[in-house]
Amino acid sequence: MQILNLLAAAIVLGGGVRAINHMCPGTALPIRATWLLLTIGAAAVLLAGLAGGHPTCPDLALHWGIAALVCAGPRGLTFCSIGGKS
């Protein structure tokens, strides 16, 4: 379970670093802050796991859910196409 948790955290960390590096100067502050917090959180999970912390099943499910959302990317997070936004 520990290895799965570390793998999910590594996926989120890598996706977060990639997202932060690809932001344009016009990216809104809430989006920047969200990706920064997500990336810092993933790094903290990695450090906690390497220090011997053990995740619970709900933690593991949450981390893999976040990793799946990070892998889906912005196109995968489109919930509504009203108003021509897709």
N, C-alpha and C. Protein backbone atom coordinates (compact mmCIF):
# COMPACT_ATOMS: atom_id res chain seq x y z
N MET A 1 0.83 -1.19 0.00
CA MET A 1 0.00 0.00 0.00
C MET A 1 0.88 1.26 0.00
N GLN A 2 2.01 1.17 0.68
CA GLN A 2 2.93 2.30 0.75
C GLN A 2 3.48 2.65 -0.63
N ILE A 3 3.84 1.64 -1.40
CA ILE A 3 4.40 1.87 -2.74
C ILE A 3 3.35 2.51 -3.64
N LEU A 4 2.11 2.06 -3.55
CA LEU A 4 1.04 2.66 -4.36
C LEU A 4 0.83 4.12 -4.00
N ASN A 5 0.91 4.44 -2.72
CA ASN A 5 0.75 5.82 -2.27
C ASN A 5 1.89 6.70 -2.78
N LEU A 6 3.11 6.19 -2.71
CA LEU A 6 4.26 6.94 -3.21
C LEU A 6 4.19 7.13 -4.72
N LEU A 7 3.70 6.13 -5.42
CA LEU A 7 3.56 6.24 -6.87
C LEU A 7 2.52 7.31 -7.24
N ALA A 8 1.40 7.32 -6.53
CA ALA A 8 0.38 8.34 -6.78
C ALA A 8 0.93 9.74 -6.49
N ALA A 9 1.67 9.88 -5.40
CA ALA A 9 2.25 11.18 -5.06
C ALA A 9 3.27 11.62 -6.10
N ALA A 10 4.04 10.68 -6.62
CA ALA A 10 5.02 11.01 -7.66
C ALA A 10 4.34 11.46 -8.94
N ILE A 11 3.22 10.83 -9.29
CA ILE A 11 2.45 11.23 -10.48
C ILE A 11 1.93 12.64 -10.30
N VAL A 12 1.37 12.94 -9.14
CA VAL A 12 0.83 14.27 -8.88
C VAL A 12 1.96 15.30 -8.85
N LEU A 13 3.07 14.97 -8.24
CA LEU A 13 4.20 15.89 -8.18
C LEU A 13 4.71 16.20 -9.59
N GLY A 14 4.89 15.18 -10.39
CA GLY A 14 5.35 15.39 -11.76
C GLY A 14 4.36 16.21 -12.59
N GLY A 15 3.08 15.89 -12.45
CA GLY A 15 2.06 16.66 -13.18
C GLY A 15 1.98 18.10 -12.71
N GLY A 16 2.16 18.31 -11.41
CA GLY A 16 2.12 19.66 -10.86
C GLY A 16 3.29 20.50 -11.33
N VAL A 17 4.48 19.91 -11.32
CA VAL A 17 5.66 20.64 -11.79
C VAL A 17 5.50 20.98 -13.27
N ARG A 18 4.99 20.03 -14.04
CA ARG A 18 4.77 20.27 -15.47
C ARG A 18 3.75 21.39 -15.68
N ALA A 19 2.65 21.35 -14.93
CA ALA A 19 1.61 22.37 -15.08
C ALA A 19 2.15 23.76 -14.71
N ILE A 20 2.89 23.84 -13.62
CA ILE A 20 3.44 25.12 -13.17
C ILE A 20 4.42 25.67 -14.21
N ASN A 21 5.23 24.79 -14.77
CA ASN A 21 6.22 25.23 -15.75
C ASN A 21 5.60 25.67 -17.07
N HIS A 22 4.40 25.18 -17.39
CA HIS A 22 3.76 25.52 -18.65
C HIS A 22 2.74 26.65 -18.54
N MET A 23 2.60 27.25 -17.37
CA MET A 23 1.65 28.35 -17.20
C MET A 23 2.16 29.60 -17.90
N CYS A 24 1.23 30.30 -18.53
CA CYS A 24 1.60 31.56 -19.16
C CYS A 24 1.48 32.68 -18.11
N PRO A 25 2.06 33.83 -18.37
CA PRO A 25 1.99 34.93 -17.40
C PRO A 25 0.56 35.38 -17.08
N GLY A 26 -0.37 35.11 -17.97
CA GLY A 26 -1.75 35.52 -17.74
C GLY A 26 -2.60 34.53 -16.96
N THR A 27 -2.01 33.46 -16.49
CA THR A 27 -2.77 32.46 -15.73
C THR A 27 -3.28 33.08 -14.44
N ALA A 28 -4.55 32.84 -14.16
CA ALA A 28 -5.19 33.43 -12.98
C ALA A 28 -4.54 32.94 -11.68
N LEU A 29 -4.50 33.83 -10.70
CA LEU A 29 -3.87 33.52 -9.41
C LEU A 29 -4.49 32.29 -8.72
N PRO A 30 -5.82 32.13 -8.71
CA PRO A 30 -6.37 30.93 -8.06
C PRO A 30 -5.89 29.62 -8.72
N ILE A 31 -5.73 29.63 -10.04
CA ILE A 31 -5.24 28.43 -10.72
C ILE A 31 -3.78 28.18 -10.33
N ARG A 32 -2.98 29.23 -10.33
CA ARG A 32 -1.57 29.09 -9.91
C ARG A 32 -1.46 28.57 -8.48
N ALA A 33 -2.25 29.16 -7.59
CA ALA A 33 -2.20 28.77 -6.18
C ALA A 33 -2.64 27.32 -5.98
N THR A 34 -3.67 26.92 -6.72
CA THR A 34 -4.17 25.54 -6.60
C THR A 34 -3.10 24.54 -7.03
N TRP A 35 -2.47 24.77 -8.17
CA TRP A 35 -1.42 23.86 -8.64
C TRP A 35 -0.22 23.86 -7.70
N LEU A 36 0.11 25.02 -7.15
CA LEU A 36 1.23 25.10 -6.22
C LEU A 36 0.94 24.30 -4.95
N LEU A 37 -0.26 24.47 -4.41
CA LEU A 37 -0.64 23.71 -3.20
C LEU A 37 -0.69 22.21 -3.48
N LEU A 38 -1.21 21.84 -4.64
CA LEU A 38 -1.29 20.43 -5.00
C LEU A 38 0.11 19.82 -5.12
N THR A 39 1.03 20.56 -5.71
CA THR A 39 2.40 20.08 -5.88
C THR A 39 3.11 19.99 -4.54
N ILE A 40 2.94 20.99 -3.70
CA ILE A 40 3.55 20.95 -2.36
C ILE A 40 2.98 19.80 -1.54
N GLY A 41 1.68 19.58 -1.65
CA GLY A 41 1.04 18.47 -0.94
C GLY A 41 1.58 17.12 -1.39
N ALA A 42 1.79 16.97 -2.69
CA ALA A 42 2.34 15.71 -3.21
C ALA A 42 3.77 15.50 -2.70
N ALA A 43 4.55 16.56 -2.66
CA ALA A 43 5.91 16.46 -2.13
C ALA A 43 5.87 16.07 -0.65
N ALA A 44 4.93 16.63 0.09
CA ALA A 44 4.80 16.29 1.51
C ALA A 44 4.41 14.83 1.70
N VAL A 45 3.53 14.32 0.85
CA VAL A 45 3.14 12.90 0.93
C VAL A 45 4.35 12.02 0.64
N LEU A 46 5.14 12.40 -0.35
CA LEU A 46 6.36 11.64 -0.65
C LEU A 46 7.32 11.63 0.53
N LEU A 47 7.53 12.79 1.11
CA LEU A 47 8.45 12.88 2.25
C LEU A 47 7.93 12.09 3.44
N ALA A 48 6.62 12.17 3.69
CA ALA A 48 6.04 11.42 4.80
C ALA A 48 6.16 9.92 4.56
N GLY A 49 5.96 9.51 3.32
CA GLY A 49 6.06 8.10 3.00
C GLY A 49 7.49 7.58 3.13
N LEU A 50 8.43 8.40 2.70
CA LEU A 50 9.83 8.01 2.83
C LEU A 50 10.31 8.01 4.27
N ALA A 51 9.62 8.80 5.12
CA ALA A 51 9.99 8.84 6.54
C ALA A 51 9.33 7.72 7.33
N GLY A 52 8.51 6.91 6.67
CA GLY A 52 7.93 5.76 7.35
C GLY A 52 6.46 5.87 7.64
N GLY A 53 5.80 6.92 7.19
CA GLY A 53 4.36 7.05 7.41
C GLY A 53 3.58 6.04 6.58
N HIS A 54 2.50 5.54 7.12
CA HIS A 54 1.69 4.54 6.42
C HIS A 54 0.32 5.13 6.10
N PRO A 55 -0.09 5.06 4.84
CA PRO A 55 -1.39 5.63 4.45
C PRO A 55 -2.54 4.70 4.83
N THR A 56 -3.67 5.32 5.05
CA THR A 56 -4.89 4.53 5.26
C THR A 56 -5.53 4.28 3.90
N CYS A 57 -6.51 3.40 3.86
CA CYS A 57 -7.19 3.12 2.59
C CYS A 57 -7.88 4.36 2.02
N PRO A 58 -8.55 5.20 2.85
CA PRO A 58 -9.13 6.42 2.29
C PRO A 58 -8.08 7.39 1.74
N ASP A 59 -6.93 7.47 2.40
CA ASP A 59 -5.84 8.31 1.89
C ASP A 59 -5.38 7.82 0.52
N LEU A 60 -5.22 6.53 0.40
CA LEU A 60 -4.78 5.95 -0.85
C LEU A 60 -5.79 6.21 -1.96
N ALA A 61 -7.07 6.05 -1.67
CA ALA A 61 -8.11 6.32 -2.67
C ALA A 61 -8.11 7.79 -3.07
N LEU A 62 -7.94 8.68 -2.12
CA LEU A 62 -7.90 10.11 -2.42
C LEU A 62 -6.69 10.45 -3.28
N HIS A 63 -5.53 9.93 -2.94
CA HIS A 63 -4.32 10.24 -3.70
C HIS A 63 -4.39 9.70 -5.12
N TRP A 64 -4.97 8.51 -5.30
CA TRP A 64 -5.10 7.97 -6.65
C TRP A 64 -6.17 8.71 -7.44
N GLY A 65 -7.20 9.19 -6.76
CA GLY A 65 -8.20 10.00 -7.45
C GLY A 65 -7.62 11.31 -7.94
N ILE A 66 -6.80 11.95 -7.12
CA ILE A 66 -6.14 13.19 -7.52
C ILE A 66 -5.15 12.91 -8.65
N ALA A 67 -4.42 11.80 -8.57
CA ALA A 67 -3.48 11.45 -9.63
C ALA A 67 -4.21 11.23 -10.95
N ALA A 68 -5.39 10.61 -10.90
CA ALA A 68 -6.18 10.40 -12.12
C ALA A 68 -6.63 11.73 -12.71
N LEU A 69 -7.04 12.67 -11.86
CA LEU A 69 -7.44 13.99 -12.35
C LEU A 69 -6.25 14.74 -12.96
N VAL A 70 -5.09 14.62 -12.34
CA VAL A 70 -3.90 15.27 -12.88
C VAL A 70 -3.55 14.68 -14.24
N CYS A 71 -3.67 13.37 -14.38
CA CYS A 71 -3.37 12.72 -15.66
C CYS A 71 -4.40 13.08 -16.73
N ALA A 72 -5.65 13.32 -16.32
CA ALA A 72 -6.69 13.68 -17.29
C ALA A 72 -6.40 15.02 -17.93
N GLY A 73 -5.77 15.92 -17.18
CA GLY A 73 -5.42 17.23 -17.72
C GLY A 73 -6.63 18.13 -17.86
N PRO A 74 -6.42 19.34 -18.35
CA PRO A 74 -7.51 20.31 -18.44
C PRO A 74 -8.64 19.86 -19.36
N ARG A 75 -8.35 19.17 -20.44
CA ARG A 75 -9.40 18.70 -21.34
C ARG A 75 -10.29 17.66 -20.66
N GLY A 76 -9.71 16.88 -19.78
CA GLY A 76 -10.49 15.86 -19.09
C GLY A 76 -11.33 16.42 -17.96
N LEU A 77 -11.10 17.68 -17.60
CA LEU A 77 -11.83 18.28 -16.49
C LEU A 77 -12.97 19.17 -16.95
N THR A 78 -13.37 19.05 -18.20
CA THR A 78 -14.47 19.85 -18.72
C THR A 78 -15.77 19.20 -18.31
N PHE A 79 -16.53 19.87 -17.46
CA PHE A 79 -17.77 19.30 -16.97
C PHE A 79 -18.98 19.84 -17.69
N CYS A 80 -18.85 20.95 -18.36
CA CYS A 80 -20.01 21.59 -18.95
C CYS A 80 -19.61 22.25 -20.26
N SER A 81 -20.46 22.13 -21.26
CA SER A 81 -20.15 22.75 -22.55
C SER A 81 -21.14 23.87 -22.87
N ILE A 82 -21.78 24.42 -21.86
CA ILE A 82 -22.74 25.52 -22.05
C ILE A 82 -21.96 26.79 -22.40
N GLY A 83 -22.49 27.54 -23.32
CA GLY A 83 -21.86 28.81 -23.68
C GLY A 83 -20.68 28.66 -24.61
N GLY A 84 -20.57 27.53 -25.29
CA GLY A 84 -19.49 27.35 -26.25
C GLY A 84 -18.18 26.93 -25.65
N LYS A 85 -18.11 26.74 -24.33
CA LYS A 85 -16.87 26.29 -23.69
C LYS A 85 -16.84 24.79 -23.72
N SER A 86 -15.73 24.24 -24.14
CA SER A 86 -15.63 22.78 -24.17
C SER A 86 -14.27 22.31 -23.72
